[in-house]
Protein backbone atom coordinates (compact mmCIF):
# COMPACT_ATOMS: atom_id res chain seq x y z
CA MET A 1 89.14 -13.02 -32.18
CA GLY A 2 85.52 -12.18 -34.00
CA SER A 3 85.03 -11.26 -37.61
CA TYR A 4 84.18 -7.53 -36.56
CA GLN A 5 88.18 -7.16 -35.48
CA LEU A 6 89.45 -9.17 -38.32
CA LYS A 7 87.89 -6.64 -40.33
CA TYR A 8 88.09 -3.62 -38.79
CA HIS A 9 91.30 -2.01 -37.44
CA ALA A 10 91.30 1.54 -35.55
CA LYS A 11 93.65 4.12 -36.21
CA LYS A 12 94.78 5.85 -33.24
CA PRO A 13 92.68 9.08 -33.20
CA GLU A 14 95.39 12.19 -33.11
CA GLY A 15 95.89 13.89 -29.64
CA ILE A 16 93.38 11.19 -27.91
CA GLU A 17 96.25 11.03 -25.27
CA ASN A 18 95.11 14.67 -24.03
CA LYS A 19 91.19 13.96 -24.36
CA LYS A 20 89.13 12.68 -21.32
CA ALA A 21 85.55 10.85 -21.33
CA TYR A 22 82.87 11.50 -18.95
CA LEU A 23 79.86 8.68 -19.05
CA VAL A 24 76.94 8.47 -17.06
CA GLY A 25 75.59 5.44 -15.42
CA SER A 26 77.18 1.96 -15.15
CA GLY A 27 74.96 0.13 -17.30
CA ILE A 28 75.58 -1.78 -20.13
CA ALA A 29 75.97 0.87 -22.89
CA THR A 30 77.97 2.80 -20.52
CA LEU A 31 80.85 -0.45 -20.14
CA ALA A 32 80.39 -1.11 -23.79
CA ALA A 33 81.18 2.95 -24.56
CA ALA A 34 83.87 2.67 -22.44
CA PHE A 35 85.71 -0.71 -23.81
CA PHE A 36 85.67 0.80 -27.19
CA LEU A 37 86.79 4.17 -26.45
CA ILE A 38 89.92 2.19 -24.83
CA ARG A 39 90.06 -1.10 -27.80
CA ASP A 40 89.19 1.04 -30.64
CA GLY A 41 89.48 4.65 -29.70
CA HIS A 42 93.21 3.89 -28.43
CA MET A 43 91.82 6.27 -25.56
CA ASP A 44 93.84 5.36 -21.94
CA GLY A 45 91.19 4.12 -19.31
CA LYS A 46 92.50 6.29 -16.50
CA ASN A 47 91.10 8.93 -18.98
CA ILE A 48 87.36 7.86 -18.59
CA THR A 49 85.27 8.52 -15.60
CA ILE A 50 82.00 6.53 -15.18
CA PHE A 51 79.31 8.38 -12.85
CA GLU A 52 77.12 6.06 -11.04
CA ARG A 53 74.38 6.80 -8.22
CA LYS A 54 73.88 3.29 -7.43
CA ASN A 55 76.52 1.50 -5.16
CA VAL A 56 76.41 -1.42 -7.92
CA ASN A 57 77.77 -1.28 -11.74
CA GLY A 58 76.06 -2.88 -14.58
CA GLY A 59 72.41 -1.25 -14.60
CA ALA A 60 69.88 -3.98 -15.54
CA LEU A 61 73.31 -6.53 -16.25
CA ASP A 62 74.41 -6.37 -12.82
CA GLY A 63 75.94 -9.43 -11.67
CA ALA A 64 77.68 -11.51 -8.92
CA GLY A 65 79.76 -14.42 -9.11
CA ASN A 66 83.37 -15.42 -10.15
CA LEU A 67 85.05 -17.38 -13.09
CA GLU A 68 85.09 -21.08 -11.49
CA ASP A 69 81.74 -21.22 -10.06
CA GLY A 70 80.38 -18.95 -12.75
CA TYR A 71 77.85 -15.88 -12.72
CA ILE A 72 74.11 -15.18 -12.07
CA ILE A 73 73.08 -11.00 -13.63
CA ARG A 74 69.59 -9.61 -12.23
CA GLY A 75 68.20 -8.54 -15.74
CA GLY A 76 69.32 -11.56 -17.07
CA ARG A 77 69.51 -11.45 -21.63
CA GLU A 78 69.83 -14.51 -23.60
CA MET A 79 73.15 -14.17 -24.92
CA GLU A 80 73.70 -16.18 -28.02
CA GLU A 81 76.58 -16.46 -30.44
CA HIS A 82 75.75 -13.42 -32.18
CA TYR A 83 75.95 -11.06 -30.00
CA GLU A 84 79.79 -11.18 -31.11
CA CYS A 85 80.52 -7.68 -29.54
CA THR A 86 78.50 -8.19 -26.08
CA TRP A 87 81.07 -11.25 -25.71
CA THR A 88 84.21 -9.81 -26.61
CA TYR A 89 83.52 -7.23 -23.77
CA LEU A 90 82.08 -9.34 -21.14
CA VAL A 91 85.73 -11.85 -22.01
CA ILE A 92 87.48 -9.24 -21.63
CA PHE A 93 86.10 -7.52 -18.32
CA GLN A 94 86.28 -10.71 -16.47
CA HIS A 95 90.65 -10.68 -16.68
């Protein structure tokens, strides 16, 4: 668990179970938005819809691979340990 989770504990917003989110594109920003809506916004994932016109999700960070052999990311970025939020949702998305 990173330091962010140790410092911040979001309270469940009133009426969140009746709200829906519609996100356009499936790039890193949209995936991050969905992740934080679920984790910090307490929104049920079934209430989040992501629209993507391409047949591959992930935008410039689309990837292929598996946990055993590793992953390759088109448009790969330098992933250093100080990208705490990125590492948090990358780890959760692979499970």
